[in-house]
């Protein structure tokens, strides 16, 4: 895929605001990922642009989980694709996304991303596992290949023997035993990865088309966990799962970050999963982060401050069960003021004409 053009962050981007990328981390720990002024737009016909993500800013420390939530089409998955260099050729990016060693994911070339980032430094649980899994190979085969490439058993299944095979007999028995040991280690590592993602061992020898949507999602999750990357990016990992499996998958992802000091960026519209996993919640609307807050304060007291964020929680069946009225604006025709103004009962002329900045964790003129 052709890397998207990249330009530095816009001068007006304010990543130093509270809750942004320059917010102090607990104990002064260096972030695993620091995003500043990240913007993505798509060039369309007749010179039009679609502003999919605008000036996103956040940071993730080791062991921290951040849930990026919002309605479908708000730009969450585009942001994830930008971090992995998987945007289409008509995409333009701005800002930066720095790993702990200083590598800017937005500026890195495809060779660097493919060889040193994807799977090794950033693991991906994809939104569409059917497109992520190889249809002609079993789940076990794909897990073992990933283990061989990324994990400590990288040499499993391979021999360094050169020339013709030795004559059969006692002299080649150690080599055979070594090969059997490596294959057994490879198999065990693949099965362990499946177990971490709650993928049943009885289904490892099945092909992707033989799996339900939920099992396919868990297979993709298992592949992402193999490399033990410092940063795990989970894009709708609970899609297609029943409630019990949603909770188990959430617990597994959370344990993966806490036990090994990994950072987790969870992209989801499942607020129950977000509440179970997240340390921090960032709410995205029409391409912008409109609120970022500690998960305890967001889901508990005092609750969300942005009216859209409050509406998301009120729409839950266990709460008010009242949907947010109206529909989001088209990203190719955003209004000059607050993008939520047309759906907000508290909107006034200021809201409709001036776009609020993200200040002290919220982008609202009246918060």
Protein backbone atom coordinates (compact mmCIF):
# COMPACT_ATOMS: atom_id res chain seq x y z
CA UNK A 1 0.00 0.00 0.00
CA UNK A 2 1.32 3.45 -0.83
CA UNK A 3 2.17 5.45 2.31
CA UNK A 4 0.02 8.53 2.76
CA UNK A 5 1.60 11.99 2.44
CA UNK A 6 2.61 13.42 5.81
CA UNK A 7 3.04 16.98 6.98
CA UNK A 8 3.93 18.33 10.45
CA UNK A 9 1.27 19.18 13.00
CA UNK A 10 -0.67 22.34 12.33
CA UNK A 11 0.52 25.36 14.23
CA UNK A 12 -2.86 25.71 15.90
CA UNK A 13 -2.87 22.20 17.32
CA UNK A 14 -2.74 22.31 21.12
CA UNK A 15 -1.45 19.00 22.43
CA UNK A 16 -0.43 20.50 25.78
CA UNK A 17 -3.98 20.89 27.07
CA UNK A 18 -4.97 18.78 30.09
CA UNK A 19 -5.77 15.26 29.03
CA UNK A 20 -3.77 15.71 25.83
CA UNK A 21 -0.54 14.10 24.72
CA UNK A 22 1.63 16.24 27.01
CA UNK A 23 -0.42 15.58 30.13
CA UNK A 24 1.82 14.27 32.97
CA UNK A 25 1.97 10.49 33.09
CA UNK A 26 1.67 8.59 36.37
CA UNK A 27 5.04 8.54 38.14
CA UNK A 28 6.70 10.32 35.21
CA UNK A 29 6.67 7.15 33.09
CA UNK A 30 7.57 7.67 29.42
CA UNK A 31 4.52 6.95 27.23
CA UNK A 32 4.51 3.92 24.97
CA UNK A 33 2.62 6.09 22.46
CA UNK A 34 2.30 9.87 22.28
CA UNK A 35 -0.15 11.24 19.69
CA UNK A 36 -0.08 14.97 18.96
CA UNK A 37 -2.23 16.86 16.49
CA UNK A 38 -3.03 13.75 14.46
CA UNK A 39 -5.23 14.63 11.49
CA UNK A 40 -6.33 12.56 8.50
CA UNK A 41 -8.18 13.80 5.45
CA UNK A 42 -9.08 12.08 2.20
CA UNK A 43 -8.82 13.73 -1.21
CA UNK A 44 -12.00 13.23 -3.16
CA UNK A 45 -13.18 14.13 -6.66
CA UNK A 46 -13.51 17.77 -7.71
CA UNK A 47 -11.02 18.92 -5.07
CA UNK A 48 -13.19 17.92 -2.12
CA UNK A 49 -11.74 16.69 1.17
CA UNK A 50 -13.23 14.51 3.88
CA UNK A 51 -11.85 15.44 7.30
CA UNK A 52 -11.89 12.02 8.94
CA UNK A 53 -9.73 12.82 12.01
CA UNK A 54 -8.85 16.29 13.26
CA UNK A 55 -6.09 17.13 15.75
CA UNK A 56 -6.37 14.03 17.95
CA UNK A 57 -4.05 14.10 20.97
CA UNK A 58 -3.50 11.55 23.74
CA UNK A 59 -0.76 9.47 25.37
CA UNK A 60 -0.56 5.90 26.63
CA UNK A 61 1.75 4.75 29.41
CA UNK A 62 2.92 1.16 29.96
CA UNK A 63 0.12 -0.88 31.52
CA UNK A 64 -2.51 1.74 30.63
CA UNK A 65 -5.68 1.10 28.64
CA UNK A 66 -7.40 3.88 26.72
CA UNK A 67 -10.83 3.32 25.17
CA UNK A 68 -11.67 5.43 22.13
CA UNK A 69 -15.46 5.39 21.86
CA UNK A 70 -18.08 6.90 19.57
CA UNK A 71 -20.68 6.12 16.94
CA UNK A 72 -19.77 4.27 13.74
CA UNK A 73 -18.19 6.60 11.18
CA UNK A 74 -16.73 9.05 13.70
CA UNK A 75 -13.12 8.36 12.67
CA UNK A 76 -12.00 5.81 15.28
CA UNK A 77 -10.87 3.13 12.83
CA UNK A 78 -9.29 5.71 10.51
CA UNK A 79 -7.13 6.82 13.42
CA UNK A 80 -6.09 3.21 14.02
CA UNK A 81 -5.23 2.74 10.34
CA UNK A 82 -3.12 5.89 10.42
CA UNK A 83 -1.07 4.54 13.33
CA UNK A 84 -0.29 1.38 11.37
CA UNK A 85 0.30 3.04 8.00
CA UNK A 86 -2.69 1.29 6.45
CA UNK A 87 -4.45 4.28 4.94
CA UNK A 88 -5.35 4.37 1.23
CA UNK A 89 -3.33 6.36 -1.27
CA UNK A 90 -5.71 9.35 -1.23
CA UNK A 91 -5.14 9.96 2.49
CA UNK A 92 -3.13 12.88 3.87
CA UNK A 93 -1.91 12.91 7.46
CA UNK A 94 -0.57 15.57 9.80
CA UNK A 95 0.77 15.62 13.34
CA UNK A 96 2.81 12.89 14.98
CA UNK A 97 2.46 9.52 16.72
CA UNK A 98 5.66 8.76 18.60
CA UNK A 99 6.62 5.40 20.08
CA UNK A 100 8.77 5.33 23.22
CA UNK A 101 11.99 5.09 21.16
CA UNK A 102 11.05 8.19 19.14
CA UNK A 103 9.84 6.49 15.95
CA UNK A 104 7.05 8.55 14.38
CA UNK A 105 4.47 6.10 13.03
CA UNK A 106 3.01 8.75 10.72
CA UNK A 107 6.37 9.54 9.11
CA UNK A 108 7.77 5.98 8.95
CA UNK A 109 8.07 4.34 5.53
CA UNK A 110 6.33 1.10 4.58
CA UNK A 111 9.52 -0.97 4.92
CA UNK A 112 10.00 0.16 8.52
CA UNK A 113 6.35 -0.39 9.40
CA UNK A 114 6.25 -3.86 7.85
CA UNK A 115 9.54 -5.14 9.24
CA UNK A 116 9.79 -3.56 12.69
CA UNK A 117 6.39 -2.19 13.75
CA UNK A 118 3.37 -4.31 12.80
CA UNK A 119 3.16 -7.33 15.07
CA UNK A 120 6.46 -6.57 16.81
CA UNK A 121 5.94 -3.14 18.35
CA UNK A 122 2.24 -2.66 17.64
CA UNK A 123 -0.13 -5.63 17.66
CA UNK A 124 -3.49 -5.32 15.89
CA UNK A 125 -6.81 -6.97 16.70
CA UNK A 126 -8.68 -6.07 13.48
CA UNK A 127 -12.27 -4.96 13.03
CA UNK A 128 -12.85 -7.43 10.15
CA UNK A 129 -11.26 -10.78 11.03
CA UNK A 130 -12.64 -12.42 7.88
CA UNK A 131 -10.37 -10.14 5.84
CA UNK A 132 -7.45 -10.63 8.24
CA UNK A 133 -7.34 -14.43 8.30
CA UNK A 134 -5.96 -16.50 5.40
CA UNK A 135 -8.96 -18.50 4.10
CA UNK A 136 -7.03 -21.58 2.85
CA UNK A 137 -5.08 -22.25 6.06
CA UNK A 138 -6.17 -23.52 9.46
CA UNK A 139 -6.10 -21.31 12.51
CA UNK A 140 -3.34 -23.49 13.99
CA UNK A 141 -1.19 -23.04 10.89
CA UNK A 142 -1.58 -19.27 10.99
CA UNK A 143 -0.81 -19.08 14.70
CA UNK A 144 2.28 -21.26 14.32
CA UNK A 145 3.55 -19.16 11.44
CA UNK A 146 3.08 -15.99 13.49
CA UNK A 147 4.83 -17.53 16.49
CA UNK A 148 7.72 -18.61 14.25
CA UNK A 149 8.11 -15.08 12.91
CA UNK A 150 7.61 -13.05 16.07
CA UNK A 151 8.18 -15.08 19.22
CA UNK A 152 11.08 -16.81 20.92
CA UNK A 153 10.42 -20.01 18.96
CA UNK A 154 11.38 -18.19 15.73
CA UNK A 155 13.55 -21.06 14.60
CA UNK A 156 10.98 -23.76 15.38
CA UNK A 157 10.27 -26.03 12.46
CA UNK A 158 13.47 -25.02 10.62
CA UNK A 159 16.78 -26.91 10.42
CA UNK A 160 20.20 -25.46 9.72
CA UNK A 161 21.38 -28.63 8.10
CA UNK A 162 23.16 -28.11 4.78
CA UNK A 163 23.86 -30.64 2.05
CA UNK A 164 22.29 -34.08 1.73
CA UNK A 165 20.58 -35.63 4.77
CA UNK A 166 22.81 -37.87 6.88
CA UNK A 167 22.53 -41.59 6.67
CA UNK A 168 19.80 -42.92 8.91
CA UNK A 169 21.00 -44.28 12.20
CA UNK A 170 22.15 -43.14 15.61
CA UNK A 171 24.02 -40.10 14.24
CA UNK A 172 20.86 -38.25 13.16
CA UNK A 173 18.76 -39.06 16.22
CA UNK A 174 19.79 -35.89 18.15
CA UNK A 175 18.76 -33.78 15.15
CA UNK A 176 15.40 -35.52 14.95
CA UNK A 177 14.87 -35.09 18.67
CA UNK A 178 15.77 -31.40 18.40
CA UNK A 179 13.34 -30.91 15.55
CA UNK A 180 10.56 -32.67 17.45
CA UNK A 181 11.29 -30.47 20.47
CA UNK A 182 11.11 -27.28 18.39
CA UNK A 183 7.89 -28.35 16.72
CA UNK A 184 6.38 -29.21 20.10
CA UNK A 185 7.40 -25.79 21.46
CA UNK A 186 5.90 -24.09 18.42
CA UNK A 187 2.65 -26.03 18.82
CA UNK A 188 2.48 -25.24 22.54
CA UNK A 189 3.09 -21.54 21.97
CA UNK A 190 0.35 -21.39 19.34
CA UNK A 191 -2.09 -23.19 21.64
CA UNK A 192 -1.18 -20.87 24.51
CA UNK A 193 -1.90 -17.82 22.32
CA UNK A 194 -5.27 -19.32 21.40
CA UNK A 195 -6.05 -19.90 25.06
CA UNK A 196 -5.27 -16.28 25.95
CA UNK A 197 -7.89 -15.18 23.44
CA UNK A 198 -10.44 -17.76 24.63
CA UNK A 199 -10.20 -19.60 21.31
CA UNK A 200 -11.12 -23.28 21.84
CA UNK A 201 -8.34 -25.80 21.16
CA UNK A 202 -10.92 -28.06 19.50
CA UNK A 203 -11.26 -25.53 16.66
CA UNK A 204 -7.57 -24.89 15.94
CA UNK A 205 -7.54 -27.22 12.94
CA UNK A 206 -10.49 -25.51 11.28
CA UNK A 207 -10.35 -23.02 8.43
CA UNK A 208 -11.72 -19.47 8.83
CA UNK A 209 -14.88 -20.21 6.82
CA UNK A 210 -15.73 -22.92 9.36
CA UNK A 211 -15.80 -20.44 12.24
CA UNK A 212 -18.60 -18.26 13.54
CA UNK A 213 -18.06 -14.52 13.53
CA UNK A 214 -17.21 -14.58 17.21
CA UNK A 215 -14.66 -17.38 16.83
CA UNK A 216 -13.06 -15.61 13.87
CA UNK A 217 -12.70 -12.51 16.05
CA UNK A 218 -11.04 -14.54 18.80
CA UNK A 219 -8.67 -16.14 16.28
CA UNK A 220 -7.60 -12.66 15.13
CA UNK A 221 -7.15 -11.62 18.77
CA UNK A 222 -4.92 -14.66 19.36
CA UNK A 223 -2.72 -13.66 16.40
CA UNK A 224 -2.34 -10.16 17.82
CA UNK A 225 -1.25 -11.46 21.22
CA UNK A 226 1.55 -13.67 19.87
CA UNK A 227 4.22 -11.00 19.49
CA UNK A 228 3.80 -9.43 22.96
CA UNK A 229 4.11 -5.99 21.35
CA UNK A 230 4.50 -3.02 23.77
CA UNK A 231 1.35 -1.51 22.26
CA UNK A 232 -1.81 -3.44 21.43
CA UNK A 233 -4.35 -1.79 19.15
CA UNK A 234 -7.74 -3.50 19.39
CA UNK A 235 -10.27 -2.34 16.79
CA UNK A 236 -13.75 -3.50 17.86
CA UNK A 237 -12.43 -6.78 19.36
CA UNK A 238 -15.80 -7.75 20.85
CA UNK A 239 -17.79 -7.53 17.62
CA UNK A 240 -19.98 -10.62 17.11
CA UNK A 241 -19.40 -12.03 20.60
CA UNK A 242 -22.13 -12.88 23.10
CA UNK A 243 -22.08 -11.00 26.40
CA UNK A 244 -20.16 -13.66 28.36
CA UNK A 245 -17.44 -13.77 25.71
CA UNK A 246 -17.35 -9.97 25.54
CA UNK A 247 -16.54 -9.90 29.25
CA UNK A 248 -13.96 -12.67 28.95
CA UNK A 249 -12.27 -11.02 25.96
CA UNK A 250 -12.23 -7.71 27.82
CA UNK A 251 -10.66 -9.36 30.85
CA UNK A 252 -8.02 -11.09 28.70
CA UNK A 253 -7.06 -7.86 26.97
CA UNK A 254 -6.88 -6.03 30.29
CA UNK A 255 -4.77 -8.78 31.83
CA UNK A 256 -2.43 -8.66 28.83
CA UNK A 257 -1.70 -4.98 29.52
CA UNK A 258 -1.43 -5.19 33.30
CA UNK A 259 0.65 -8.36 33.55
CA UNK A 260 3.28 -7.36 30.99
CA UNK A 261 3.22 -3.57 31.13
CA UNK A 262 1.73 -3.28 27.64
CA UNK A 263 -0.37 -0.31 26.56
CA UNK A 264 -3.80 -0.91 25.02
CA UNK A 265 -5.70 1.36 22.65
CA UNK A 266 -9.24 -0.04 22.47
CA UNK A 267 -11.46 1.25 19.69
CA UNK A 268 -15.07 0.35 20.37
CA UNK A 269 -18.69 1.39 20.45
CA UNK A 270 -19.32 -1.20 23.21
CA UNK A 271 -19.39 0.94 26.32
CA UNK A 272 -19.71 -2.10 28.60
CA UNK A 273 -16.40 -3.45 27.28
CA UNK A 274 -14.83 0.01 27.56
CA UNK A 275 -15.93 0.32 31.19
CA UNK A 276 -14.47 -3.09 32.01
CA UNK A 277 -11.10 -2.43 30.35
CA UNK A 278 -10.27 1.26 30.29
CA UNK A 279 -8.23 3.46 32.60
CA UNK A 280 -9.02 6.44 30.37
CA UNK A 281 -11.93 7.13 28.00
CA UNK A 282 -11.70 9.38 24.93
CA UNK A 283 -14.97 10.20 23.18
CA UNK A 284 -14.80 10.89 19.45
CA UNK A 285 -17.45 12.72 17.45
CA UNK A 286 -17.27 13.76 13.79
CA UNK A 287 -13.53 13.17 13.64
CA UNK A 288 -12.62 15.03 16.84
CA UNK A 289 -11.97 13.94 20.41
CA UNK A 290 -14.58 15.92 22.34
CA UNK A 291 -13.87 14.56 25.82
CA UNK A 292 -11.07 12.64 27.51
CA UNK A 293 -11.39 11.61 31.15
CA UNK A 294 -10.45 8.94 33.69
CA UNK A 295 -12.74 5.94 33.25
CA UNK A 296 -13.90 5.98 36.87
CA UNK A 297 -15.07 9.57 36.65
CA UNK A 298 -16.57 9.04 33.20
CA UNK A 299 -18.67 5.99 34.00
CA UNK A 300 -19.28 6.93 37.64
CA UNK A 301 -19.27 10.28 39.39
CA UNK A 302 -19.25 13.07 38.26
CA UNK A 303 -19.88 11.47 34.84
CA UNK A 304 -19.28 12.87 31.34
CA UNK A 305 -19.18 16.63 30.80
CA UNK A 306 -19.77 16.80 27.03
CA UNK A 307 -23.47 16.52 26.07
CA UNK A 308 -22.70 13.92 23.40
CA UNK A 309 -20.79 11.78 25.89
CA UNK A 310 -23.69 12.02 28.33
CA UNK A 311 -26.02 11.01 25.52
CA UNK A 312 -23.98 7.90 24.78
CA UNK A 313 -24.32 6.71 28.37
CA UNK A 314 -28.00 7.65 28.57
CA UNK A 315 -28.66 5.51 25.49
CA UNK A 316 -27.61 2.33 27.33
CA UNK A 317 -30.47 -0.04 28.30
CA UNK A 318 -29.25 -0.18 31.89
CA UNK A 319 -29.42 3.60 32.11
CA UNK A 320 -32.07 5.92 30.66
CA UNK A 321 -32.35 4.00 27.35
CA UNK A 322 -32.88 7.29 25.49
CA UNK A 323 -31.14 7.51 22.10
CA UNK A 324 -29.14 10.55 21.03
CA UNK A 325 -31.48 12.46 18.68
CA UNK A 326 -30.56 13.13 15.06
CA UNK A 327 -27.53 11.93 13.13
CA UNK A 328 -23.86 12.98 12.90
CA UNK A 329 -22.88 15.45 10.16
CA UNK A 330 -21.12 14.35 6.99
CA UNK A 331 -17.36 14.50 7.48
CA UNK A 332 -17.07 16.12 4.06
CA UNK A 333 -19.42 18.95 5.05
CA UNK A 334 -18.72 19.79 8.69
CA UNK A 335 -20.38 22.92 10.11
CA UNK A 336 -18.25 25.93 11.10
CA UNK A 337 -19.08 25.59 14.79
CA UNK A 338 -19.55 22.62 17.09
CA UNK A 339 -20.32 19.50 15.05
CA UNK A 340 -22.80 18.35 17.72
CA UNK A 341 -24.75 21.61 17.84
CA UNK A 342 -27.58 20.38 15.58
CA UNK A 343 -28.27 17.49 18.01
CA UNK A 344 -27.70 19.38 21.26
CA UNK A 345 -30.57 20.85 23.29
CA UNK A 346 -28.21 23.37 24.92
CA UNK A 347 -26.74 24.74 21.67
CA UNK A 348 -26.75 28.52 21.17
CA UNK A 349 -25.47 30.83 18.39
CA UNK A 350 -21.90 30.61 19.74
CA UNK A 351 -22.00 26.81 19.42
CA UNK A 352 -23.18 27.05 15.80
CA UNK A 353 -20.51 29.53 14.70
CA UNK A 354 -17.36 28.80 16.72
CA UNK A 355 -15.75 25.39 17.07
CA UNK A 356 -14.83 24.73 20.73
CA UNK A 357 -11.25 23.74 21.55
CA UNK A 358 -10.48 20.73 23.74
CA UNK A 359 -9.74 22.49 27.03
CA UNK A 360 -9.26 20.72 30.35
CA UNK A 361 -10.41 17.48 28.78
CA UNK A 362 -13.63 18.64 27.11
CA UNK A 363 -14.54 20.47 23.87
CA UNK A 364 -17.73 22.32 24.76
CA UNK A 365 -18.49 26.02 25.21
CA UNK A 366 -20.79 25.26 28.15
CA UNK A 367 -19.04 22.41 29.99
